């Protein structure tokens, strides 16, 4: 079985194809590129590139996994439009995943407490704090759109609790994005299957500022 993973929630355009056989996963295509408001120009090109390299067609995929946000309005719209079209027209299972969980998915290989900040506009970030133990996430502070200063205050408050062990290397931002398509496929709890494609909307999260 083949799975396609997409995320366009940030300046990074991410695409991966994963082959699953007997509960073993192999990355057969992965593309990570940066852009400024041009994901709409490149998303289909990169997908087509991966299909050509592997002699595949979109209909060969059993599942498409798409980051639902939080993130950029335009970027999220681009990927959502494409995956909804693929799923609806070809009958492919469509699942969504938090873009924060997707972009930091390789940290599931390391136990600890992680504070995530993905840059938004002005002095705001999309934030989340969670712990990882044996590949399982436990949410401490769910996804929020916050002023950077406000999030730093939350971290400081939590750090005053001796049971809250957060070292500096576990503070994750755009410079520490680390994606594991294997983890995204392996840990089913990260994904949610879409039952009503037409009602699916991105998680913009933020309010107008």
Protein backbone atom coordinates (compact mmCIF):
# COMPACT_ATOMS: atom_id res chain seq x y z
CA UNK A 1 0.00 0.00 0.00
CA UNK A 2 1.09 3.54 -0.72
CA UNK A 3 0.44 6.59 1.43
CA UNK A 4 0.86 10.23 0.38
CA UNK A 5 1.68 12.88 3.00
CA UNK A 6 1.27 16.61 2.32
CA UNK A 7 1.67 19.80 4.32
CA UNK A 8 1.58 23.42 3.12
CA UNK A 9 0.78 25.12 6.43
CA UNK A 10 4.11 26.99 6.66
CA UNK A 11 6.80 28.31 4.33
CA UNK A 12 7.81 24.65 3.88
CA UNK A 13 6.15 22.62 1.15
CA UNK A 14 6.34 19.01 2.27
CA UNK A 15 5.46 15.89 0.29
CA UNK A 16 6.29 12.26 1.01
CA UNK A 17 5.27 8.91 -0.45
CA UNK A 18 5.49 5.90 1.87
CA UNK A 19 5.19 2.25 0.90
CA UNK A 20 3.71 -0.05 3.54
CA UNK A 21 4.16 -3.80 3.33
CA UNK A 22 3.63 -6.26 6.21
CA UNK A 23 3.62 -3.37 8.71
CA UNK A 24 7.01 -2.21 7.43
CA UNK A 25 7.32 1.33 6.07
CA UNK A 26 9.69 2.64 3.42
CA UNK A 27 10.00 6.24 2.18
CA UNK A 28 10.06 6.10 -1.62
CA UNK A 29 9.83 9.84 -2.25
CA UNK A 30 10.31 12.92 -0.09
CA UNK A 31 10.41 16.58 -1.09
CA UNK A 32 11.06 19.51 1.26
CA UNK A 33 11.19 22.96 -0.27
CA UNK A 34 10.75 26.51 0.97
CA UNK A 35 8.69 29.17 -0.73
CA UNK A 36 6.87 32.43 -0.20
CA UNK A 37 3.20 32.23 -1.09
CA UNK A 38 3.94 30.04 -4.12
CA UNK A 39 2.88 26.59 -2.90
CA UNK A 40 0.05 26.68 -5.44
CA UNK A 41 2.65 26.81 -8.23
CA UNK A 42 4.74 23.94 -6.91
CA UNK A 43 2.51 21.43 -5.10
CA UNK A 44 1.21 19.55 -8.13
CA UNK A 45 4.63 19.74 -9.82
CA UNK A 46 6.27 18.04 -6.84
CA UNK A 47 3.55 15.39 -6.64
CA UNK A 48 3.95 14.68 -10.35
CA UNK A 49 7.72 14.46 -9.88
CA UNK A 50 7.32 11.79 -7.21
CA UNK A 51 4.80 9.86 -9.27
CA UNK A 52 7.10 9.84 -12.30
CA UNK A 53 10.15 8.70 -10.29
CA UNK A 54 8.20 5.75 -8.85
CA UNK A 55 6.09 4.98 -11.92
CA UNK A 56 2.91 5.53 -9.92
CA UNK A 57 -0.44 7.23 -10.42
CA UNK A 58 -2.48 8.98 -7.74
CA UNK A 59 -5.06 6.19 -7.91
CA UNK A 60 -2.39 3.76 -6.64
CA UNK A 61 -2.47 5.36 -3.16
CA UNK A 62 -4.65 3.86 -0.43
CA UNK A 63 -4.49 6.91 1.86
CA UNK A 64 -3.67 10.59 1.64
CA UNK A 65 -2.59 12.31 4.87
CA UNK A 66 -2.80 16.09 4.89
CA UNK A 67 -1.73 18.64 7.49
CA UNK A 68 -4.87 20.53 8.42
CA UNK A 69 -3.15 23.44 10.14
CA UNK A 70 -2.79 25.62 12.04
CA UNK A 71 -0.93 27.75 9.55
CA UNK A 72 -1.10 30.08 6.57
CA UNK A 73 -4.50 30.73 5.01
CA UNK A 74 -3.36 30.42 1.41
CA UNK A 75 -1.08 27.45 1.94
CA UNK A 76 -3.71 25.43 3.77
CA UNK A 77 -6.31 26.17 1.10
CA UNK A 78 -3.96 24.93 -1.62
CA UNK A 79 -3.32 21.49 -0.11
CA UNK A 80 -6.90 21.01 1.09
CA UNK A 81 -8.26 21.70 -2.40
CA UNK A 82 -5.86 19.20 -3.98
CA UNK A 83 -6.39 16.35 -1.49
CA UNK A 84 -10.17 16.75 -1.50
CA UNK A 85 -10.12 16.53 -5.30
CA UNK A 86 -7.95 13.39 -5.23
CA UNK A 87 -10.02 11.72 -2.52
CA UNK A 88 -13.42 12.53 -3.99
CA UNK A 89 -12.63 11.71 -7.62
CA UNK A 90 -10.57 8.57 -6.99
CA UNK A 91 -12.17 7.18 -3.82
CA UNK A 92 -8.98 7.40 -1.78
CA UNK A 93 -9.14 7.48 2.02
CA UNK A 94 -8.34 11.01 3.26
CA UNK A 95 -6.95 11.62 6.74
CA UNK A 96 -5.88 14.83 8.43
CA UNK A 97 -3.19 15.50 11.00
CA UNK A 98 -2.26 18.53 13.04
CA UNK A 99 0.42 20.39 11.12
CA UNK A 100 2.30 20.91 14.39
CA UNK A 101 2.32 17.15 15.01
CA UNK A 102 3.39 16.54 11.42
CA UNK A 103 6.21 19.10 11.32
CA UNK A 104 7.70 17.85 14.60
CA UNK A 105 6.84 14.17 14.14
CA UNK A 106 10.42 12.91 14.36
CA UNK A 107 10.52 14.00 18.02
CA UNK A 108 8.18 11.10 18.78
CA UNK A 109 11.34 9.02 18.85
CA UNK A 110 12.51 10.86 21.97
CA UNK A 111 10.77 10.88 25.35
CA UNK A 112 10.39 14.29 26.96
CA UNK A 113 8.33 17.47 27.12
CA UNK A 114 8.24 19.64 24.01
CA UNK A 115 7.14 23.26 23.62
CA UNK A 116 6.39 24.07 19.97
CA UNK A 117 6.24 27.50 18.36
CA UNK A 118 5.52 27.86 14.65
CA UNK A 119 5.91 31.42 13.45
CA UNK A 120 2.77 33.26 12.37
CA UNK A 121 2.42 36.92 11.41
CA UNK A 122 3.73 39.79 13.47
CA UNK A 123 4.75 38.70 16.99
CA UNK A 124 2.43 35.69 17.10
CA UNK A 125 3.02 31.94 16.89
CA UNK A 126 1.00 28.74 16.68
CA UNK A 127 1.85 26.93 19.87
CA UNK A 128 1.48 23.57 21.56
CA UNK A 129 3.07 21.82 24.54
CA UNK A 130 3.06 18.05 24.80
CA UNK A 131 4.95 15.18 26.38
CA UNK A 132 6.14 12.07 24.58
CA UNK A 133 6.61 8.66 26.13
CA UNK A 134 7.19 5.55 24.04
CA UNK A 135 5.92 7.30 20.91
CA UNK A 136 2.67 8.45 22.54
CA UNK A 137 1.73 12.12 22.86
CA UNK A 138 0.02 13.55 25.91
CA UNK A 139 -1.15 17.13 25.43
CA UNK A 140 -0.18 19.57 28.17
CA UNK A 141 -1.31 22.78 26.42
CA UNK A 142 -3.35 22.33 23.26
CA UNK A 143 -2.83 24.32 20.07
CA UNK A 144 -3.20 28.07 20.50
CA UNK A 145 -2.52 31.23 18.51
CA UNK A 146 -0.60 33.38 20.97
CA UNK A 147 1.72 36.33 21.25
CA UNK A 148 5.27 35.05 21.57
CA UNK A 149 5.63 36.84 24.87
CA UNK A 150 2.45 35.21 26.18
CA UNK A 151 3.68 31.73 25.25
CA UNK A 152 7.05 32.38 26.87
CA UNK A 153 5.17 33.34 30.03
CA UNK A 154 3.27 30.04 29.95
CA UNK A 155 6.55 28.14 29.62
CA UNK A 156 8.07 30.08 32.51
CA UNK A 157 5.04 29.35 34.70
CA UNK A 158 5.18 25.65 33.90
CA UNK A 159 8.94 25.54 34.42
CA UNK A 160 8.47 26.77 37.98
CA UNK A 161 6.84 23.39 38.68
CA UNK A 162 9.65 20.98 39.55
CA UNK A 163 7.74 18.12 37.92
CA UNK A 164 7.86 19.96 34.58
CA UNK A 165 11.21 19.12 33.02
CA UNK A 166 11.77 21.19 29.86
CA UNK A 167 15.34 21.64 28.69
CA UNK A 168 16.32 24.22 26.06
CA UNK A 169 16.82 21.58 23.36
CA UNK A 170 13.13 20.66 23.68
CA UNK A 171 11.97 24.17 22.73
CA UNK A 172 10.94 23.64 19.12
CA UNK A 173 10.51 26.38 16.51
CA UNK A 174 10.68 26.73 12.71
CA UNK A 175 14.42 26.09 12.82
CA UNK A 176 13.89 22.72 14.50
CA UNK A 177 11.24 21.28 12.20
CA UNK A 178 11.94 17.56 11.89
CA UNK A 179 9.47 15.40 9.98
CA UNK A 180 9.18 11.61 10.10
CA UNK A 181 6.80 10.22 7.48
CA UNK A 182 7.34 6.79 9.04
CA UNK A 183 6.01 7.98 12.41
CA UNK A 184 3.08 9.72 10.72
CA UNK A 185 2.08 6.44 9.08
CA UNK A 186 2.95 4.18 12.02
CA UNK A 187 1.10 6.05 14.78
CA UNK A 188 -2.55 5.90 13.78
CA UNK A 189 -3.66 8.07 16.70
CA UNK A 190 -2.02 11.10 15.05
CA UNK A 191 -4.45 10.96 12.13
CA UNK A 192 -8.19 11.33 11.78
CA UNK A 193 -10.04 9.88 8.83
CA UNK A 194 -12.30 12.37 7.05
CA UNK A 195 -15.87 11.11 6.76
CA UNK A 196 -17.36 14.19 5.08
CA UNK A 197 -14.96 15.57 2.49
CA UNK A 198 -17.22 18.47 1.51
CA UNK A 199 -17.39 19.73 5.10
CA UNK A 200 -13.62 19.55 5.63
CA UNK A 201 -12.02 22.92 6.42
CA UNK A 202 -8.48 23.83 7.46
CA UNK A 203 -7.72 24.67 11.07
CA UNK A 204 -6.74 28.31 10.74
CA UNK A 205 -6.87 28.73 14.53
CA UNK A 206 -5.96 32.40 14.60
CA UNK A 207 -8.21 35.40 14.84
CA UNK A 208 -7.79 38.49 12.68
CA UNK A 209 -5.02 40.71 14.02
